[in-house]
């Protein structure tokens, strides 16, 4: 499974959405299921899956599906 597939699976499982819904508009502001508890679950799952530890600023700025990819790249995760 590629890193992109792993990333998509985390979002699909956590938010109960289809892959087609994961695009530039999928964000904290636009998704009612993306609350503070779900946000922390997302961060924990990403850290476990990719073997990284996010800095606090990145946790706070992780507000969208696409932005998350850029943040993960900063930690050496290749897409």
PDB file of N, CA and C in Angstrom:
ATOM      1  N   UNK A   1       0.846  -1.174   0.000  1.00  0.00           N
ATOM      2  CA  UNK A   1       0.000   0.000   0.000  1.00  0.00           C
ATOM      3  C   UNK A   1       0.898   1.246   0.000  1.00  0.00           C
ATOM      4  N   UNK A   2       0.617   2.158  -0.889  1.00  0.00           N
ATOM      5  CA  UNK A   2       1.417   3.383  -0.985  1.00  0.00           C
ATOM      6  C   UNK A   2       1.086   4.325   0.182  1.00  0.00           C
ATOM      7  N   UNK A   3       1.939   5.314   0.386  1.00  0.00           N
ATOM      8  CA  UNK A   3       1.677   6.297   1.437  1.00  0.00           C
ATOM      9  C   UNK A   3       0.384   7.060   1.181  1.00  0.00           C
ATOM     10  N   UNK A   4       0.099   7.364  -0.088  1.00  0.00           N
ATOM     11  CA  UNK A   4      -1.144   8.055  -0.409  1.00  0.00           C
ATOM     12  C   UNK A   4      -2.347   7.179  -0.057  1.00  0.00           C
ATOM     13  N   UNK A   5      -2.272   5.899  -0.364  1.00  0.00           N
ATOM     14  CA  UNK A   5      -3.370   4.984  -0.035  1.00  0.00           C
ATOM     15  C   UNK A   5      -3.555   4.866   1.477  1.00  0.00           C
ATOM     16  N   UNK A   6      -2.455   4.819   2.210  1.00  0.00           N
ATOM     17  CA  UNK A   6      -2.539   4.783   3.677  1.00  0.00           C
ATOM     18  C   UNK A   6      -3.202   6.053   4.201  1.00  0.00           C
ATOM     19  N   UNK A   7      -2.784   7.180   3.651  1.00  0.00           N
ATOM     20  CA  UNK A   7      -3.326   8.478   4.055  1.00  0.00           C
ATOM     21  C   UNK A   7      -4.826   8.539   3.773  1.00  0.00           C
ATOM     22  N   UNK A   8      -5.213   8.138   2.579  1.00  0.00           N
ATOM     23  CA  UNK A   8      -6.630   8.147   2.209  1.00  0.00           C
ATOM     24  C   UNK A   8      -7.436   7.224   3.114  1.00  0.00           C
ATOM     25  N   UNK A   9      -6.899   6.061   3.414  1.00  0.00           N
ATOM     26  CA  UNK A   9      -7.607   5.084   4.254  1.00  0.00           C
ATOM     27  C   UNK A   9      -7.863   5.645   5.645  1.00  0.00           C
ATOM     28  N   UNK A  10      -6.892   6.353   6.203  1.00  0.00           N
ATOM     29  CA  UNK A  10      -7.076   6.964   7.519  1.00  0.00           C
ATOM     30  C   UNK A  10      -8.263   7.924   7.475  1.00  0.00           C
ATOM     31  N   UNK A  11      -8.315   8.774   6.474  1.00  0.00           N
ATOM     32  CA  UNK A  11      -9.419   9.735   6.355  1.00  0.00           C
ATOM     33  C   UNK A  11     -10.739   9.019   6.104  1.00  0.00           C
ATOM     34  N   UNK A  12     -10.750   8.028   5.227  1.00  0.00           N
ATOM     35  CA  UNK A  12     -11.983   7.316   4.904  1.00  0.00           C
ATOM     36  C   UNK A  12     -12.523   6.593   6.140  1.00  0.00           C
ATOM     37  N   UNK A  13     -11.643   5.956   6.905  1.00  0.00           N
ATOM     38  CA  UNK A  13     -12.074   5.236   8.100  1.00  0.00           C
ATOM     39  C   UNK A  13     -12.532   6.178   9.202  1.00  0.00           C
ATOM     40  N   UNK A  14     -11.765   7.215   9.439  1.00  0.00           N
ATOM     41  CA  UNK A  14     -12.053   8.130  10.542  1.00  0.00           C
ATOM     42  C   UNK A  14     -13.302   8.976  10.296  1.00  0.00           C
ATOM     43  N   UNK A  15     -13.453   9.463   9.069  1.00  0.00           N
ATOM     44  CA  UNK A  15     -14.568  10.350   8.756  1.00  0.00           C
ATOM     45  C   UNK A  15     -15.737   9.643   8.064  1.00  0.00           C
ATOM     46  N   UNK A  16     -15.567   8.345   7.792  1.00  0.00           N
ATOM     47  CA  UNK A  16     -16.618   7.570   7.127  1.00  0.00           C
ATOM     48  C   UNK A  16     -17.046   8.232   5.817  1.00  0.00           C
ATOM     49  N   UNK A  17     -16.046   8.496   4.957  1.00  0.00           N
ATOM     50  CA  UNK A  17     -16.293   9.106   3.650  1.00  0.00           C
ATOM     51  C   UNK A  17     -15.700   8.221   2.559  1.00  0.00           C
ATOM     52  N   UNK A  18     -16.137   8.461   1.349  1.00  0.00           N
ATOM     53  CA  UNK A  18     -15.592   7.772   0.191  1.00  0.00           C
ATOM     54  C   UNK A  18     -14.359   8.515  -0.315  1.00  0.00           C
ATOM     55  N   UNK A  19     -13.498   7.808  -1.004  1.00  0.00           N
ATOM     56  CA  UNK A  19     -12.266   8.391  -1.531  1.00  0.00           C
ATOM     57  C   UNK A  19     -12.538   9.621  -2.393  1.00  0.00           C
ATOM     58  N   UNK A  20     -13.623   9.604  -3.142  1.00  0.00           N
ATOM     59  CA  UNK A  20     -13.964  10.710  -4.033  1.00  0.00           C
ATOM     60  C   UNK A  20     -14.236  12.017  -3.279  1.00  0.00           C
ATOM     61  N   UNK A  21     -14.555  11.931  -2.005  1.00  0.00           N
ATOM     62  CA  UNK A  21     -14.833  13.123  -1.199  1.00  0.00           C
ATOM     63  C   UNK A  21     -13.558  13.797  -0.694  1.00  0.00           C
ATOM     64  N   UNK A  22     -12.436  13.101  -0.820  1.00  0.00           N
ATOM     65  CA  UNK A  22     -11.163  13.638  -0.316  1.00  0.00           C
ATOM     66  C   UNK A  22     -10.530  14.518  -1.389  1.00  0.00           C
ATOM     67  N   UNK A  23     -10.724  15.822  -1.239  1.00  0.00           N
ATOM     68  CA  UNK A  23     -10.222  16.780  -2.214  1.00  0.00           C
ATOM     69  C   UNK A  23      -9.886  18.087  -1.513  1.00  0.00           C
ATOM     70  N   UNK A  24      -9.666  19.136  -2.287  1.00  0.00           N
ATOM     71  CA  UNK A  24      -9.251  20.420  -1.733  1.00  0.00           C
ATOM     72  C   UNK A  24     -10.306  21.055  -0.827  1.00  0.00           C
ATOM     73  N   UNK A  25     -11.552  20.634  -0.930  1.00  0.00           N
ATOM     74  CA  UNK A  25     -12.583  21.226  -0.081  1.00  0.00           C
ATOM     75  C   UNK A  25     -12.812  20.447   1.217  1.00  0.00           C
ATOM     76  N   UNK A  26     -12.143  19.311   1.382  1.00  0.00           N
ATOM     77  CA  UNK A  26     -12.314  18.530   2.613  1.00  0.00           C
ATOM     78  C   UNK A  26     -11.439  19.151   3.695  1.00  0.00           C
ATOM     79  N   UNK A  27     -12.091  19.856   4.630  1.00  0.00           N
ATOM     80  CA  UNK A  27     -11.338  20.600   5.642  1.00  0.00           C
ATOM     81  C   UNK A  27     -12.086  20.650   6.971  1.00  0.00           C
ATOM     82  N   UNK A  28     -11.366  21.069   7.976  1.00  0.00           N
ATOM     83  CA  UNK A  28     -11.931  21.241   9.312  1.00  0.00           C
ATOM     84  C   UNK A  28     -13.133  22.182   9.258  1.00  0.00           C
ATOM     85  N   UNK A  29     -13.011  23.254   8.520  1.00  0.00           N
ATOM     86  CA  UNK A  29     -14.083  24.251   8.437  1.00  0.00           C
ATOM     87  C   UNK A  29     -15.305  23.727   7.680  1.00  0.00           C
ATOM     88  N   UNK A  30     -15.104  22.834   6.720  1.00  0.00           N
ATOM     89  CA  UNK A  30     -16.198  22.384   5.886  1.00  0.00           C
ATOM     90  C   UNK A  30     -16.770  21.026   6.241  1.00  0.00           C
ATOM     91  N   UNK A  31     -16.190  20.357   7.200  1.00  0.00           N
ATOM     92  CA  UNK A  31     -16.619  18.999   7.536  1.00  0.00           C
ATOM     93  C   UNK A  31     -17.082  18.961   8.988  1.00  0.00           C
ATOM     94  N   UNK A  32     -18.384  18.805   9.205  1.00  0.00           N
ATOM     95  CA  UNK A  32     -18.913  18.847  10.574  1.00  0.00           C
ATOM     96  C   UNK A  32     -18.414  17.691  11.442  1.00  0.00           C
ATOM     97  N   UNK A  33     -18.032  16.588  10.841  1.00  0.00           N
ATOM     98  CA  UNK A  33     -17.499  15.460  11.624  1.00  0.00           C
ATOM     99  C   UNK A  33     -16.069  15.706  12.098  1.00  0.00           C
ATOM    100  N   UNK A  34     -15.425  16.746  11.556  1.00  0.00           N
ATOM    101  CA  UNK A  34     -14.043  17.047  11.925  1.00  0.00           C
ATOM    102  C   UNK A  34     -14.061  18.017  13.105  1.00  0.00           C
ATOM    103  N   UNK A  35     -14.243  17.463  14.290  1.00  0.00           N
ATOM    104  CA  UNK A  35     -14.231  18.271  15.499  1.00  0.00           C
ATOM    105  C   UNK A  35     -12.899  18.084  16.224  1.00  0.00           C
ATOM    106  N   UNK A  36     -12.763  18.658  17.408  1.00  0.00           N
ATOM    107  CA  UNK A  36     -11.471  18.610  18.107  1.00  0.00           C
ATOM    108  C   UNK A  36     -11.081  17.188  18.493  1.00  0.00           C
ATOM    109  N   UNK A  37     -12.036  16.368  18.874  1.00  0.00           N
ATOM    110  CA  UNK A  37     -11.727  14.979  19.241  1.00  0.00           C
ATOM    111  C   UNK A  37     -11.277  14.189  18.012  1.00  0.00           C
ATOM    112  N   UNK A  38     -11.996  14.363  16.919  1.00  0.00           N
ATOM    113  CA  UNK A  38     -11.624  13.680  15.681  1.00  0.00           C
ATOM    114  C   UNK A  38     -10.270  14.171  15.186  1.00  0.00           C
ATOM    115  N   UNK A  39      -9.994  15.446  15.375  1.00  0.00           N
ATOM    116  CA  UNK A  39      -8.713  16.019  14.965  1.00  0.00           C
ATOM    117  C   UNK A  39      -7.566  15.319  15.703  1.00  0.00           C
ATOM    118  N   UNK A  40      -7.718  15.154  17.011  1.00  0.00           N
ATOM    119  CA  UNK A  40      -6.667  14.487  17.785  1.00  0.00           C
ATOM    120  C   UNK A  40      -6.538  13.015  17.395  1.00  0.00           C
ATOM    121  N   UNK A  41      -7.642  12.372  17.089  1.00  0.00           N
ATOM    122  CA  UNK A  41      -7.594  10.983  16.616  1.00  0.00           C
ATOM    123  C   UNK A  41      -6.865  10.893  15.281  1.00  0.00           C
ATOM    124  N   UNK A  42      -7.134  11.854  14.410  1.00  0.00           N
ATOM    125  CA  UNK A  42      -6.456  11.907  13.113  1.00  0.00           C
ATOM    126  C   UNK A  42      -4.950  12.059  13.293  1.00  0.00           C
ATOM    127  N   UNK A  43      -4.545  12.985  14.136  1.00  0.00           N
ATOM    128  CA  UNK A  43      -3.118  13.223  14.375  1.00  0.00           C
ATOM    129  C   UNK A  43      -2.459  11.965  14.935  1.00  0.00           C
ATOM    130  N   UNK A  44      -3.091  11.332  15.910  1.00  0.00           N
ATOM    131  CA  UNK A  44      -2.531  10.115  16.517  1.00  0.00           C
ATOM    132  C   UNK A  44      -2.388   8.997  15.489  1.00  0.00           C
ATOM    133  N   UNK A  45      -3.401   8.826  14.655  1.00  0.00           N
ATOM    134  CA  UNK A  45      -3.361   7.774  13.632  1.00  0.00           C
ATOM    135  C   UNK A  45      -2.266   8.044  12.606  1.00  0.00           C
ATOM    136  N   UNK A  46      -2.127   9.301  12.196  1.00  0.00           N
ATOM    137  CA  UNK A  46      -1.074   9.658  11.242  1.00  0.00           C
ATOM    138  C   UNK A  46       0.311   9.435  11.843  1.00  0.00           C
ATOM    139  N   UNK A  47       0.490   9.818  13.094  1.00  0.00           N
ATOM    140  CA  UNK A  47       1.785   9.616  13.753  1.00  0.00           C
ATOM    141  C   UNK A  47       2.119   8.136  13.835  1.00  0.00           C
ATOM    142  N   UNK A  48       1.148   7.312  14.207  1.00  0.00           N
ATOM    143  CA  UNK A  48       1.375   5.865  14.300  1.00  0.00           C
ATOM    144  C   UNK A  48       1.669   5.247  12.935  1.00  0.00           C
ATOM    145  N   UNK A  49       0.893   5.620  11.946  1.00  0.00           N
ATOM    146  CA  UNK A  49       1.028   5.034  10.615  1.00  0.00           C
ATOM    147  C   UNK A  49       2.355   5.389   9.964  1.00  0.00           C
ATOM    148  N   UNK A  50       2.762   6.647  10.103  1.00  0.00           N
ATOM    149  CA  UNK A  50       3.957   7.107   9.398  1.00  0.00           C
ATOM    150  C   UNK A  50       5.199   7.198  10.291  1.00  0.00           C
ATOM    151  N   UNK A  51       5.071   6.812  11.558  1.00  0.00           N
ATOM    152  CA  UNK A  51       6.218   6.787  12.455  1.00  0.00           C
ATOM    153  C   UNK A  51       6.852   8.150  12.684  1.00  0.00           C
ATOM    154  N   UNK A  52       6.005   9.153  12.865  1.00  0.00           N
ATOM    155  CA  UNK A  52       6.492  10.523  13.058  1.00  0.00           C
ATOM    156  C   UNK A  52       5.879  11.096  14.334  1.00  0.00           C
ATOM    157  N   UNK A  53       6.362  12.264  14.743  1.00  0.00           N
ATOM    158  CA  UNK A  53       5.790  12.998  15.861  1.00  0.00           C
ATOM    159  C   UNK A  53       5.636  14.450  15.421  1.00  0.00           C
ATOM    160  N   UNK A  54       4.392  14.893  15.298  1.00  0.00           N
ATOM    161  CA  UNK A  54       4.123  16.246  14.839  1.00  0.00           C
ATOM    162  C   UNK A  54       4.553  17.286  15.870  1.00  0.00           C
ATOM    163  N   UNK A  55       5.032  18.422  15.372  1.00  0.00           N
ATOM    164  CA  UNK A  55       5.272  19.579  16.218  1.00  0.00           C
ATOM    165  C   UNK A  55       3.915  20.240  16.490  1.00  0.00           C
ATOM    166  N   UNK A  56       3.820  20.948  17.587  1.00  0.00           N
ATOM    167  CA  UNK A  56       2.557  21.572  17.987  1.00  0.00           C
ATOM    168  C   UNK A  56       1.983  22.471  16.895  1.00  0.00           C
ATOM    169  N   UNK A  57       2.811  23.289  16.261  1.00  0.00           N
ATOM    170  CA  UNK A  57       2.315  24.181  15.198  1.00  0.00           C
ATOM    171  C   UNK A  57       1.680  23.402  14.056  1.00  0.00           C
ATOM    172  N   UNK A  58       2.259  22.255  13.720  1.00  0.00           N
ATOM    173  CA  UNK A  58       1.705  21.452  12.634  1.00  0.00           C
ATOM    174  C   UNK A  58       0.365  20.833  13.024  1.00  0.00           C
ATOM    175  N   UNK A  59       0.224  20.451  14.288  1.00  0.00           N
ATOM    176  CA  UNK A  59      -1.050  19.913  14.765  1.00  0.00           C
ATOM    177  C   UNK A  59      -2.130  20.992  14.664  1.00  0.00           C
ATOM    178  N   UNK A  60      -1.787  22.193  15.066  1.00  0.00           N
ATOM    179  CA  UNK A  60      -2.751  23.295  15.040  1.00  0.00           C
ATOM    180  C   UNK A  60      -3.103  23.732  13.617  1.00  0.00           C
ATOM    181  N   UNK A  61      -2.147  23.608  12.685  1.00  0.00           N
ATOM    182  CA  UNK A  61      -2.362  24.050  11.306  1.00  0.00           C
ATOM    183  C   UNK A  61      -2.865  22.951  10.379  1.00  0.00           C
ATOM    184  N   UNK A  62      -3.046  21.737  10.911  1.00  0.00           N
ATOM    185  CA  UNK A  62      -3.490  20.612  10.097  1.00  0.00           C
ATOM    186  C   UNK A  62      -4.997  20.722   9.890  1.00  0.00           C
ATOM    187  N   UNK A  63      -5.415  21.607   9.008  1.00  0.00           N
ATOM    188  CA  UNK A  63      -6.833  21.905   8.870  1.00  0.00           C
ATOM    189  C   UNK A  63      -7.500  21.414   7.617  1.00  0.00           C
ATOM    190  N   UNK A  64      -6.771  20.714   6.759  1.00  0.00           N
ATOM    191  CA  UNK A  64      -7.420  20.204   5.549  1.00  0.00           C
ATOM    192  C   UNK A  64      -6.685  18.973   5.033  1.00  0.00           C
ATOM    193  N   UNK A  65      -7.402  18.231   4.226  1.00  0.00           N
ATOM    194  CA  UNK A  65      -6.850  17.020   3.623  1.00  0.00           C
ATOM    195  C   UNK A  65      -5.589  17.332   2.818  1.00  0.00           C
ATOM    196  N   UNK A  66      -5.648  18.340   1.958  1.00  0.00           N
ATOM    197  CA  UNK A  66      -4.496  18.668   1.109  1.00  0.00           C
ATOM    198  C   UNK A  66      -3.353  19.295   1.904  1.00  0.00           C
ATOM    199  N   UNK A  67      -3.653  20.169   2.844  1.00  0.00           N
ATOM    200  CA  UNK A  67      -2.611  20.768   3.667  1.00  0.00           C
ATOM    201  C   UNK A  67      -1.864  19.690   4.450  1.00  0.00           C
ATOM    202  N   UNK A  68      -2.592  18.668   4.854  1.00  0.00           N
ATOM    203  CA  UNK A  68      -1.972  17.568   5.589  1.00  0.00           C
ATOM    204  C   UNK A  68      -0.891  16.857   4.794  1.00  0.00           C
ATOM    205  N   UNK A  69      -1.096  16.714   3.509  1.00  0.00           N
ATOM    206  CA  UNK A  69      -0.083  16.081   2.665  1.00  0.00           C
ATOM    207  C   UNK A  69       1.201  16.906   2.688  1.00  0.00           C
ATOM    208  N   UNK A  70       1.070  18.217   2.582  1.00  0.00           N
ATOM    209  CA  UNK A  70       2.247  19.093   2.622  1.00  0.00           C
ATOM    210  C   UNK A  70       2.948  19.029   3.972  1.00  0.00           C
ATOM    211  N   UNK A  71       2.183  18.959   5.040  1.00  0.00           N
ATOM    212  CA  UNK A  71       2.775  18.853   6.371  1.00  0.00           C
ATOM    213  C   UNK A  71       3.522  17.521   6.503  1.00  0.00           C
ATOM    214  N   UNK A  72       2.935  16.446   6.043  1.00  0.00           N
ATOM    215  CA  UNK A  72       3.602  15.145   6.121  1.00  0.00           C
ATOM    216  C   UNK A  72       4.883  15.117   5.300  1.00  0.00           C
ATOM    217  N   UNK A  73       4.883  15.772   4.158  1.00  0.00           N
ATOM    218  CA  UNK A  73       6.106  15.839   3.341  1.00  0.00           C
ATOM    219  C   UNK A  73       7.237  16.486   4.127  1.00  0.00           C
ATOM    220  N   UNK A  74       6.909  17.433   4.965  1.00  0.00           N
ATOM    221  CA  UNK A  74       7.903  18.107   5.799  1.00  0.00           C
ATOM    222  C   UNK A  74       8.611  17.112   6.732  1.00  0.00           C
ATOM    223  N   UNK A  75       7.930  16.026   7.061  1.00  0.00           N
ATOM    224  CA  UNK A  75       8.475  14.991   7.938  1.00  0.00           C
ATOM    225  C   UNK A  75       9.091  13.820   7.159  1.00  0.00           C
ATOM    226  N   UNK A  76       9.246  14.016   5.859  1.00  0.00           N
ATOM    227  CA  UNK A  76       9.910  13.007   5.042  1.00  0.00           C
ATOM    228  C   UNK A  76       8.994  11.946   4.468  1.00  0.00           C
ATOM    229  N   UNK A  77       7.683  12.122   4.604  1.00  0.00           N
ATOM    230  CA  UNK A  77       6.736  11.161   4.025  1.00  0.00           C
ATOM    231  C   UNK A  77       6.581  11.511   2.557  1.00  0.00           C
ATOM    232  N   UNK A  78       6.847  10.541   1.698  1.00  0.00           N
ATOM    233  CA  UNK A  78       6.780  10.773   0.258  1.00  0.00           C
ATOM    234  C   UNK A  78       5.444  10.322  -0.305  1.00  0.00           C
ATOM    235  N   UNK A  79       4.894  11.162  -1.185  1.00  0.00           N
ATOM    236  CA  UNK A  79       3.625  10.853  -1.862  1.00  0.00           C
ATOM    237  C   UNK A  79       3.835  10.763  -3.345  1.00  0.00           C
TER     238      UNK A  79
END
